[in-house]
Amino acid sequence: MRALLNTALAALLAATTLLAGCERPPVDTVQRGYRGTGMELVYNPRTAVIVAESNQAPPVTEAASPDGPKAGQIYKNLQLLGHLSIGEFTRQMAAITAWIAPQEGCNYCHNPENLGDDSKYTKVVARRMIQMTQHINADWKPHVAATGVTCYTCHRGKAVPANVWFAPEPPRANANFIGDKAGQNTPLKVVGLSSLPYDPFGPYLLGAQTIGVGGATALPSDHVASIVHTEQTYGLMMHLSNSLGVNCTYCHNTRNFKEWDGAPPQRTTAWHGIRMTRDLNNQYIVPLTAAFPAARLGPTGDVAKVNCATCHQGVYKPLYGAPMAKDYPALLAPAAPSDGLPPPVAEARRSVLYFGVDTPVLEGEQAKGLDLLVATMATDRQAKARISGYHSAAGNVEHNHELAKQRAFTVRDAMLAAGVPEARVILAKPAQTAANLSGEDPEARRVEVVIEK
């Protein structure tokens, strides 16, 4: 009897272990093709409820009157949305604040003592992100269609979206007895906890590696989809499925996954989405790397980038397709030049370089940011650089003043060493700002460079 009981317990334990990775019934199935072809989407109703709760669009405030003075005629250093009336501009700013920093409020991006001040990196980044949103809505309609996106699509009340990615740290040589794992056998959620390569983003959402599985012939010399590329492609597909809360049949025809003929229209939409994401990372997000303090960068010094989950967050359409963008038309496209305002002053290009504690030396990504600035000055022979050094409030005041000056000299000397004429490099003593009024503030240990014509 005891042996029989032990055998039964062992069988129960084995069954429990075997089924641990399975979905607990019931599950919902939606047929998307002919019966018998496997064209079905499978949903877990318990998790669907949780995802639905986090994908509700916020209420929309009523649009303000377009009459009255324009915001650009009232506010200083307003480089975007100045064509809106004061009322509509205020409504838009209140909405963006609620979407991104509801707890911190306006001070998350603005210096409350001077709203026109650009000393906070968050303001510089936010300005560029508004331009990115306009670009998505105006130029990527093959993916977002008429629904469009707003800042809320990604942020959902958080300053940093819940789903972003950094480049993974390279594996240490001989870290274990396996040796070089070729990026595999590090089960992460982004690849479905599988042994697929753990970086499905870098090759496709930053680089332009060909997405492909297998080859047309055996051992061809021009194989465009090696085993490594095939596994990386599967990793990206796992990410797509998890991000949209769907399976492969959402985009592919099960009779032939490779062929486009007969595939659902969502495959074309996804094709554009991958290229849109790559465009956003390369044109808008990565160039902002030098603007961020070190604490906001990843383990390899790169900036947080977007992927499919950043917007979709578990559903096939962000916010289930709620057309928020139509209620905020200023985000649909850049302002037309005929907005009735005086000709705008050419936008100055501003960069911020952050330094370590008690040092005038730039390191890591900040040093790369300096190299980029030097290259910009070397190629644009009409530009002038206005350089201002800052310091934190901790420590001796006189020493800090000297340290801020030496930091500015670091940037100036690099430009002069690259052959930039001295007349085009201007040192400007900064006014005191909120960023260096108290404590050892990492944002205060900086040099600001404004490149102007």
Protein backbone atom coordinates (compact mmCIF):
# COMPACT_ATOMS: atom_id res chain seq x y z
CA MET A 1 0.00 0.00 0.00
CA ARG A 2 2.80 2.43 0.89
CA ALA A 3 4.54 1.68 -2.41
CA LEU A 4 1.30 2.30 -4.28
CA LEU A 5 0.80 5.62 -2.45
CA ASN A 6 4.36 6.71 -3.23
CA THR A 7 3.85 5.81 -6.88
CA ALA A 8 0.64 7.86 -7.00
CA LEU A 9 2.31 10.84 -5.36
CA ALA A 10 5.22 10.61 -7.78
CA ALA A 11 2.82 10.50 -10.72
CA LEU A 12 0.92 13.51 -9.37
CA LEU A 13 4.15 15.44 -8.90
CA ALA A 14 5.28 14.57 -12.43
CA ALA A 15 1.94 15.66 -13.88
CA THR A 16 2.05 18.92 -11.91
CA THR A 17 5.58 19.64 -13.16
CA LEU A 18 4.62 18.80 -16.75
CA LEU A 19 1.57 21.07 -16.70
CA ALA A 20 3.18 23.95 -14.77
CA GLY A 21 3.81 25.92 -17.95
CA CYS A 22 0.31 25.38 -19.37
CA GLU A 23 -2.60 27.80 -19.26
CA ARG A 24 -5.24 26.99 -16.65
CA PRO A 25 -8.61 26.55 -18.41
CA PRO A 26 -10.89 27.91 -19.54
CA VAL A 27 -9.39 29.81 -22.49
CA ASP A 28 -11.16 31.68 -25.29
CA THR A 29 -10.51 30.86 -28.94
CA VAL A 30 -11.25 33.18 -31.88
CA GLN A 31 -11.29 31.62 -35.34
CA ARG A 32 -9.55 33.77 -37.98
CA GLY A 33 -9.54 31.43 -40.98
CA TYR A 34 -10.98 28.25 -42.42
CA ARG A 35 -11.60 25.46 -39.96
CA GLY A 36 -8.80 22.94 -39.82
CA THR A 37 -6.10 25.41 -40.83
CA GLY A 38 -5.13 26.39 -37.29
CA MET A 39 -5.95 30.06 -37.90
CA GLU A 40 -7.02 30.73 -34.32
CA LEU A 41 -6.17 33.25 -31.63
CA VAL A 42 -6.20 31.94 -28.07
CA TYR A 43 -6.86 34.27 -25.12
CA ASN A 44 -6.78 33.80 -21.37
CA PRO A 45 -9.86 35.67 -20.08
CA ARG A 46 -8.27 36.20 -16.65
CA THR A 47 -5.22 38.01 -17.97
CA ALA A 48 -7.34 39.78 -20.62
CA VAL A 49 -9.26 41.56 -17.85
CA ILE A 50 -6.03 42.81 -16.27
CA VAL A 51 -4.68 44.04 -19.59
CA ALA A 52 -7.97 45.75 -20.41
CA GLU A 53 -7.87 47.75 -17.19
CA SER A 54 -4.48 49.23 -18.10
CA ASN A 55 -5.52 50.09 -21.66
CA GLN A 56 -8.29 52.59 -21.01
CA ALA A 57 -7.92 56.04 -22.55
CA PRO A 58 -8.11 58.97 -20.09
CA PRO A 59 -10.93 61.53 -20.27
CA VAL A 60 -10.50 64.38 -22.75
CA THR A 61 -10.96 68.00 -21.74
CA GLU A 62 -12.98 70.20 -24.05
CA ALA A 63 -10.97 72.10 -26.66
CA ALA A 64 -10.35 75.77 -25.87
CA SER A 65 -11.23 78.68 -28.10
CA PRO A 66 -8.76 79.28 -30.95
CA ASP A 67 -9.30 83.03 -30.56
CA GLY A 68 -7.03 85.43 -28.73
CA PRO A 69 -3.25 85.87 -28.73
CA LYS A 70 -1.00 83.02 -29.76
CA ALA A 71 1.12 81.29 -27.15
CA GLY A 72 4.27 82.08 -29.15
CA GLN A 73 3.55 85.80 -28.77
CA ILE A 74 3.29 85.50 -24.99
CA TYR A 75 5.87 82.95 -23.84
CA LYS A 76 9.62 83.18 -24.36
CA ASN A 77 11.65 80.37 -25.94
CA LEU A 78 8.53 78.56 -27.11
CA GLN A 79 9.89 76.50 -29.97
CA LEU A 80 6.85 74.26 -30.46
CA LEU A 81 3.07 74.73 -30.39
CA GLY A 82 3.44 78.52 -30.42
CA HIS A 83 0.72 78.71 -33.09
CA LEU A 84 -1.93 77.63 -30.56
CA SER A 85 -4.09 80.10 -28.70
CA ILE A 86 -3.19 80.64 -25.06
CA GLY A 87 -6.22 78.61 -23.97
CA GLU A 88 -5.52 75.68 -26.27
CA PHE A 89 -1.80 75.71 -25.47
CA THR A 90 -2.61 75.58 -21.75
CA ARG A 91 -5.01 72.67 -22.33
CA GLN A 92 -2.36 70.78 -24.27
CA MET A 93 0.34 71.36 -21.64
CA ALA A 94 -2.04 70.29 -18.86
CA ALA A 95 -2.80 67.09 -20.76
CA ILE A 96 0.88 66.28 -21.36
CA THR A 97 1.62 66.88 -17.68
CA ALA A 98 -1.16 64.50 -16.64
CA TRP A 99 0.00 61.89 -19.16
CA ILE A 100 3.67 61.96 -18.13
CA ALA A 101 4.25 63.48 -14.70
CA PRO A 102 0.96 63.75 -12.79
CA GLN A 103 2.72 63.79 -9.40
CA GLU A 104 5.56 66.20 -10.20
CA GLY A 105 3.47 68.54 -12.33
CA CYS A 106 4.94 71.27 -14.52
CA ASN A 107 8.17 71.37 -12.51
CA TYR A 108 9.18 67.99 -13.90
CA CYS A 109 10.27 69.75 -17.10
CA HIS A 110 10.27 73.44 -16.20
CA ASN A 111 12.28 75.69 -13.96
CA PRO A 112 9.47 77.36 -11.97
CA GLU A 113 11.52 80.57 -11.68
CA ASN A 114 11.91 80.85 -15.45
CA LEU A 115 9.65 78.79 -17.72
CA GLY A 116 11.77 79.71 -20.73
CA ASP A 117 14.90 78.20 -19.18
CA ASP A 118 16.20 75.03 -20.84
CA SER A 119 18.44 73.93 -17.97
CA LYS A 120 16.45 70.77 -17.21
CA TYR A 121 17.21 67.87 -19.52
CA THR A 122 13.62 66.72 -19.20
CA LYS A 123 12.42 69.83 -21.04
CA VAL A 124 14.87 69.27 -23.90
CA VAL A 125 13.79 65.64 -24.18
CA ALA A 126 10.07 66.46 -23.95
CA ARG A 127 10.35 68.99 -26.75
CA ARG A 128 11.95 66.39 -29.01
CA MET A 129 9.38 63.78 -28.04
CA ILE A 130 6.54 66.11 -29.08
CA GLN A 131 8.24 66.42 -32.46
CA MET A 132 8.51 62.63 -32.60
CA THR A 133 4.79 62.27 -31.88
CA GLN A 134 3.96 64.68 -34.69
CA HIS A 135 6.28 62.72 -36.99
CA ILE A 136 4.55 59.43 -36.18
CA ASN A 137 1.09 60.82 -36.83
CA ALA A 138 2.05 62.66 -40.02
CA ASP A 139 4.55 60.28 -41.63
CA TRP A 140 3.76 56.78 -40.35
CA LYS A 141 0.08 56.44 -41.24
CA PRO A 142 0.72 53.00 -42.81
CA HIS A 143 1.16 51.84 -39.22
CA VAL A 144 -0.90 54.16 -37.00
CA ALA A 145 -3.56 55.00 -39.64
CA ALA A 146 -6.03 57.70 -38.61
CA THR A 147 -5.96 56.61 -34.95
CA GLY A 148 -2.56 58.17 -34.28
CA VAL A 149 -0.74 58.38 -30.97
CA THR A 150 -0.28 60.82 -28.12
CA CYS A 151 2.23 60.99 -25.28
CA TYR A 152 -0.19 58.94 -23.20
CA THR A 153 -0.01 56.02 -25.63
CA CYS A 154 3.43 55.14 -24.26
CA HIS A 155 3.68 56.89 -20.89
CA ARG A 156 0.36 56.06 -19.18
CA GLY A 157 1.07 58.46 -16.30
CA LYS A 158 4.76 57.51 -15.94
CA ALA A 159 7.74 59.72 -16.68
CA VAL A 160 9.51 56.72 -18.22
CA PRO A 161 7.28 54.31 -20.18
CA ALA A 162 6.87 50.92 -18.58
CA ASN A 163 8.30 49.11 -21.60
CA VAL A 164 11.65 50.36 -22.89
CA TRP A 165 14.90 48.55 -23.64
CA PHE A 166 18.64 48.99 -23.25
CA ALA A 167 21.45 47.16 -25.00
CA PRO A 168 22.31 44.08 -22.89
CA GLU A 169 25.70 43.79 -21.30
CA PRO A 170 27.99 41.59 -23.36
CA PRO A 171 28.57 38.18 -21.76
CA ARG A 172 31.78 37.82 -19.81
CA ALA A 173 34.37 35.60 -21.42
CA ASN A 174 34.44 32.12 -19.87
CA ALA A 175 31.72 33.11 -17.40
CA ASN A 176 30.69 29.47 -17.10
CA PHE A 177 31.59 26.04 -18.36
CA ILE A 178 29.41 26.48 -21.47
CA GLY A 179 31.76 29.15 -22.85
CA ASP A 180 30.41 31.44 -25.58
CA LYS A 181 26.62 31.09 -25.47
CA ALA A 182 26.21 33.15 -28.68
CA GLY A 183 23.56 35.24 -26.92
CA GLN A 184 21.44 32.21 -26.08
CA ASN A 185 20.36 30.31 -22.98
CA THR A 186 19.58 33.41 -20.95
CA PRO A 187 15.79 33.04 -20.68
CA LEU A 188 14.17 36.47 -20.56
CA LYS A 189 10.54 37.47 -20.75
CA VAL A 190 11.07 39.36 -24.02
CA VAL A 191 11.77 36.06 -25.79
CA GLY A 192 9.11 34.06 -23.97
CA LEU A 193 11.54 32.70 -21.35
CA SER A 194 13.06 30.56 -24.10
CA SER A 195 16.68 29.84 -25.04
CA LEU A 196 16.44 32.16 -28.06
CA PRO A 197 19.00 35.00 -28.34
CA TYR A 198 18.35 37.46 -25.53
CA ASP A 199 18.67 40.61 -27.68
CA PRO A 200 15.83 40.59 -30.22
CA PHE A 201 15.88 44.38 -30.45
CA GLY A 202 19.35 45.60 -31.41
CA PRO A 203 19.55 43.84 -34.79
CA TYR A 204 16.08 44.92 -35.94
CA LEU A 205 14.81 47.92 -33.94
CA LEU A 206 18.12 49.77 -34.08
CA GLY A 207 19.96 48.00 -36.88
CA ALA A 208 18.46 46.92 -40.18
CA GLN A 209 19.28 43.22 -40.17
CA THR A 210 17.18 41.18 -42.57
CA ILE A 211 14.23 39.46 -40.91
CA GLY A 212 14.13 35.92 -42.23
CA VAL A 213 13.84 32.26 -41.36
CA GLY A 214 15.73 29.55 -43.23
CA GLY A 215 16.88 29.63 -46.84
CA ALA A 216 15.51 28.69 -50.22
CA THR A 217 18.25 26.17 -50.98
CA ALA A 218 20.65 23.97 -49.01
CA LEU A 219 23.90 25.59 -47.94
CA PRO A 220 23.84 28.56 -50.36
CA SER A 221 26.77 30.98 -50.33
CA ASP A 222 24.42 33.96 -50.14
CA HIS A 223 22.33 32.64 -47.27
CA VAL A 224 20.39 35.65 -46.00
CA ALA A 225 18.91 33.85 -43.01
CA SER A 226 21.49 31.79 -41.19
CA ILE A 227 20.62 29.73 -38.12
CA VAL A 228 21.71 32.67 -35.96
CA HIS A 229 19.49 35.09 -37.92
CA THR A 230 16.64 32.62 -37.83
CA GLU A 231 16.79 32.36 -34.04
CA GLN A 232 17.06 36.13 -33.70
CA THR A 233 14.00 36.49 -35.93
CA TYR A 234 12.06 34.05 -33.75
CA GLY A 235 13.09 36.13 -30.72
CA LEU A 236 11.67 39.27 -32.36
CA MET A 237 8.47 37.40 -33.26
CA MET A 238 8.08 36.26 -29.64
CA HIS A 239 8.38 39.90 -28.59
CA LEU A 240 5.75 40.95 -31.14
CA SER A 241 3.32 38.28 -29.94
CA ASN A 242 3.78 39.17 -26.27
CA SER A 243 3.54 42.91 -26.95
CA LEU A 244 0.26 42.65 -28.86
CA GLY A 245 -1.25 39.78 -26.83
CA VAL A 246 -1.67 37.64 -29.95
CA ASN A 247 -0.13 34.56 -31.53
CA CYS A 248 1.48 33.99 -34.93
CA THR A 249 -1.85 33.72 -36.78
CA TYR A 250 -2.52 37.42 -36.20
CA CYS A 251 -0.03 38.28 -38.97
CA HIS A 252 0.73 34.96 -40.71
CA ASN A 253 -1.18 32.38 -42.72
CA THR A 254 -0.56 29.00 -41.11
CA ARG A 255 -0.43 27.25 -44.50
CA ASN A 256 2.79 29.11 -45.33
CA PHE A 257 4.27 31.49 -42.77
CA LYS A 258 6.85 32.83 -45.23
CA GLU A 259 4.57 33.79 -48.12
CA TRP A 260 2.89 37.19 -48.13
CA ASP A 261 0.17 35.99 -50.49
CA GLY A 262 -2.85 35.13 -48.37
CA ALA A 263 -1.40 36.60 -45.16
CA PRO A 264 -3.69 38.76 -42.98
CA PRO A 265 -3.42 42.53 -43.59
CA GLN A 266 -1.94 42.93 -40.10
CA ARG A 267 1.34 41.56 -41.45
CA THR A 268 1.77 44.65 -43.63
CA THR A 269 0.92 46.88 -40.68
CA ALA A 270 3.54 45.07 -38.58
CA TRP A 271 6.12 45.43 -41.37
CA HIS A 272 5.69 49.21 -41.24
CA GLY A 273 5.67 49.15 -37.43
CA ILE A 274 9.10 47.52 -37.23
CA ARG A 275 10.55 50.15 -39.55
CA MET A 276 8.78 52.96 -37.74
CA THR A 277 10.25 51.81 -34.42
CA ARG A 278 13.74 51.65 -35.95
CA ASP A 279 13.26 55.16 -37.37
CA LEU A 280 12.18 56.58 -34.00
CA ASN A 281 15.12 55.03 -32.16
CA ASN A 282 17.71 56.23 -34.66
CA GLN A 283 16.35 59.66 -35.56
CA TYR A 284 14.85 60.88 -32.29
CA ILE A 285 15.91 58.85 -29.26
CA VAL A 286 19.54 57.78 -29.67
CA PRO A 287 20.67 61.33 -30.65
CA LEU A 288 19.43 62.49 -27.22
CA THR A 289 21.86 60.22 -25.36
CA ALA A 290 24.22 63.03 -24.36
CA ALA A 291 21.30 65.02 -22.88
CA PHE A 292 20.57 62.38 -20.22
CA PRO A 293 22.42 62.10 -16.90
CA ALA A 294 24.33 58.88 -16.33
CA ALA A 295 21.67 57.59 -13.91
CA ARG A 296 19.17 57.44 -16.77
CA LEU A 297 21.40 55.40 -19.09
CA GLY A 298 21.61 51.63 -19.38
CA PRO A 299 24.40 49.29 -18.24
CA THR A 300 26.37 49.91 -21.44
CA GLY A 301 25.76 53.68 -21.43
CA ASP A 302 22.95 53.76 -23.98
CA VAL A 303 19.64 55.58 -23.72
CA ALA A 304 16.28 53.85 -23.15
CA LYS A 305 14.74 52.99 -26.52
CA VAL A 306 11.28 51.96 -27.70
CA ASN A 307 9.96 48.63 -28.93
CA CYS A 308 6.53 47.26 -29.83
CA ALA A 309 5.47 46.87 -26.19
CA THR A 310 6.16 50.56 -25.48
CA CYS A 311 2.93 51.51 -27.24
CA HIS A 312 0.90 48.30 -27.40
CA GLN A 313 1.31 47.13 -23.80
CA GLY A 314 -0.30 43.75 -24.34
CA VAL A 315 -3.11 44.56 -26.79
CA TYR A 316 -3.37 44.33 -30.58
CA LYS A 317 -4.03 48.10 -30.81
CA PRO A 318 -2.77 50.56 -28.18
CA LEU A 319 -5.65 51.50 -25.88
CA TYR A 320 -7.80 49.20 -28.04
CA GLY A 321 -7.70 51.73 -30.85
CA ALA A 322 -9.07 54.69 -28.87
CA PRO A 323 -8.59 57.68 -31.24
CA MET A 324 -7.06 60.08 -28.69
CA ALA A 325 -4.95 61.99 -31.21
CA LYS A 326 -7.94 63.60 -32.94
CA ASP A 327 -8.72 65.47 -29.72
CA TYR A 328 -5.24 67.02 -29.68
CA PRO A 329 -4.73 68.16 -33.30
CA ALA A 330 -1.48 69.97 -32.47
CA LEU A 331 0.10 66.51 -32.12
CA LEU A 332 -1.05 65.33 -35.54
CA ALA A 333 1.60 67.23 -37.53
CA PRO A 334 4.08 70.12 -37.19
CA ALA A 335 2.53 73.57 -37.39
CA ALA A 336 2.06 75.05 -40.85
CA PRO A 337 4.35 78.00 -41.62
CA SER A 338 1.36 80.26 -42.33
CA ASP A 339 0.16 80.44 -38.73
CA GLY A 340 0.12 84.23 -38.53
CA LEU A 341 3.11 84.50 -36.19
CA PRO A 342 6.24 86.54 -36.84
CA PRO A 343 9.00 84.55 -38.57
CA PRO A 344 10.54 82.30 -35.92
CA VAL A 345 14.13 82.66 -34.87
CA ALA A 346 16.25 79.75 -36.09
CA GLU A 347 16.25 77.09 -33.38
CA ALA A 348 19.51 76.86 -31.50
CA ARG A 349 20.86 73.33 -31.09
CA ARG A 350 21.46 72.67 -27.42
CA SER A 351 23.42 69.86 -25.81
CA VAL A 352 24.16 69.08 -22.20
CA LEU A 353 27.23 67.17 -21.02
CA TYR A 354 27.23 65.75 -17.50
CA PHE A 355 30.35 65.36 -15.34
CA GLY A 356 31.22 63.20 -12.37
CA VAL A 357 31.69 64.47 -8.81
CA ASP A 358 34.55 66.96 -8.43
CA THR A 359 36.01 66.41 -11.91
CA PRO A 360 36.29 68.35 -15.17
CA VAL A 361 36.85 65.14 -17.16
CA LEU A 362 34.14 63.58 -19.33
CA GLU A 363 33.82 59.81 -19.43
CA GLY A 364 31.81 57.13 -21.21
CA GLU A 365 28.79 58.26 -23.21
CA GLN A 366 29.31 61.85 -22.13
CA ALA A 367 32.74 61.80 -23.82
CA LYS A 368 31.06 60.46 -26.97
CA GLY A 369 28.60 63.35 -26.74
CA LEU A 370 31.54 65.77 -26.71
CA ASP A 371 32.97 64.05 -29.80
CA LEU A 372 29.64 64.55 -31.56
CA LEU A 373 29.60 68.24 -30.67
CA VAL A 374 33.15 68.68 -31.93
CA ALA A 375 32.22 66.96 -35.19
CA THR A 376 29.18 69.21 -35.57
CA MET A 377 31.28 72.34 -35.13
CA ALA A 378 33.93 71.06 -37.52
CA THR A 379 31.44 70.40 -40.32
CA ASP A 380 29.18 73.44 -39.85
CA ARG A 381 31.57 76.31 -40.53
CA GLN A 382 28.95 78.99 -39.84
CA ALA A 383 28.01 77.80 -36.37
CA LYS A 384 29.14 79.30 -33.09
CA ALA A 385 29.20 77.47 -29.78
CA ARG A 386 28.16 79.22 -26.57
CA ILE A 387 29.54 77.23 -23.62
CA SER A 388 28.44 77.55 -20.00
CA GLY A 389 29.79 75.49 -17.09
CA TYR A 390 27.76 74.62 -14.00
CA HIS A 391 28.38 73.00 -10.63
CA SER A 392 26.40 71.51 -7.77
CA ALA A 393 25.94 73.30 -4.45
CA ALA A 394 27.79 70.75 -2.32
CA GLY A 395 31.27 71.72 -1.11
CA ASN A 396 33.31 74.92 -1.21
CA VAL A 397 31.78 77.68 -3.34
CA GLU A 398 35.04 79.05 -4.71
CA HIS A 399 36.25 75.57 -5.59
CA ASN A 400 32.95 74.85 -7.33
CA HIS A 401 33.16 78.05 -9.40
CA GLU A 402 36.62 77.05 -10.57
CA LEU A 403 35.42 73.52 -11.29
CA ALA A 404 32.55 74.82 -13.44
CA LYS A 405 35.02 76.97 -15.37
CA GLN A 406 37.37 74.01 -15.92
CA ARG A 407 34.47 71.95 -17.23
CA ALA A 408 33.68 74.66 -19.75
CA PHE A 409 37.39 74.77 -20.69
CA THR A 410 37.29 71.01 -21.32
CA VAL A 411 34.63 71.49 -23.99
CA ARG A 412 36.24 74.63 -25.42
CA ASP A 413 39.70 73.05 -25.65
CA ALA A 414 38.33 70.00 -27.44
CA MET A 415 36.77 72.23 -30.09
CA LEU A 416 39.92 74.32 -30.51
CA ALA A 417 42.03 71.16 -30.78
CA ALA A 418 39.74 70.01 -33.62
CA GLY A 419 40.53 73.19 -35.55
CA VAL A 420 37.43 75.22 -34.73
CA PRO A 421 38.46 78.93 -34.82
CA GLU A 422 38.56 80.59 -31.40
CA ALA A 423 36.17 83.30 -32.60
CA ARG A 424 33.45 80.67 -32.98
CA VAL A 425 33.81 79.34 -29.42
CA ILE A 426 32.26 81.61 -26.77
CA LEU A 427 32.49 81.09 -23.01
CA ALA A 428 29.43 82.45 -21.22
CA LYS A 429 29.16 82.69 -17.45
CA PRO A 430 25.77 81.21 -16.53
CA ALA A 431 23.17 82.68 -14.27
CA GLN A 432 22.30 80.68 -11.15
CA THR A 433 19.54 78.14 -11.89
CA ALA A 434 17.33 75.87 -9.88
CA ALA A 435 19.44 72.86 -10.86
CA ASN A 436 22.41 73.89 -8.71
CA LEU A 437 20.87 75.53 -5.69
CA SER A 438 21.12 72.70 -3.17
CA GLY A 439 22.98 69.47 -2.55
CA GLU A 440 25.01 67.18 -4.77
CA ASP A 441 22.66 67.28 -7.76
CA PRO A 442 23.91 65.17 -10.73
CA GLU A 443 21.99 67.42 -13.13
CA ALA A 444 23.96 70.43 -11.89
CA ARG A 445 27.39 68.99 -12.76
CA ARG A 446 27.12 69.92 -16.39
CA VAL A 447 28.20 72.03 -19.33
CA GLU A 448 25.55 73.45 -21.62
CA VAL A 449 26.47 74.10 -25.24
CA VAL A 450 24.20 76.09 -27.53
CA ILE A 451 25.17 75.99 -31.21
CA GLU A 452 23.80 79.00 -33.02
CA LYS A 453 24.19 80.62 -36.40
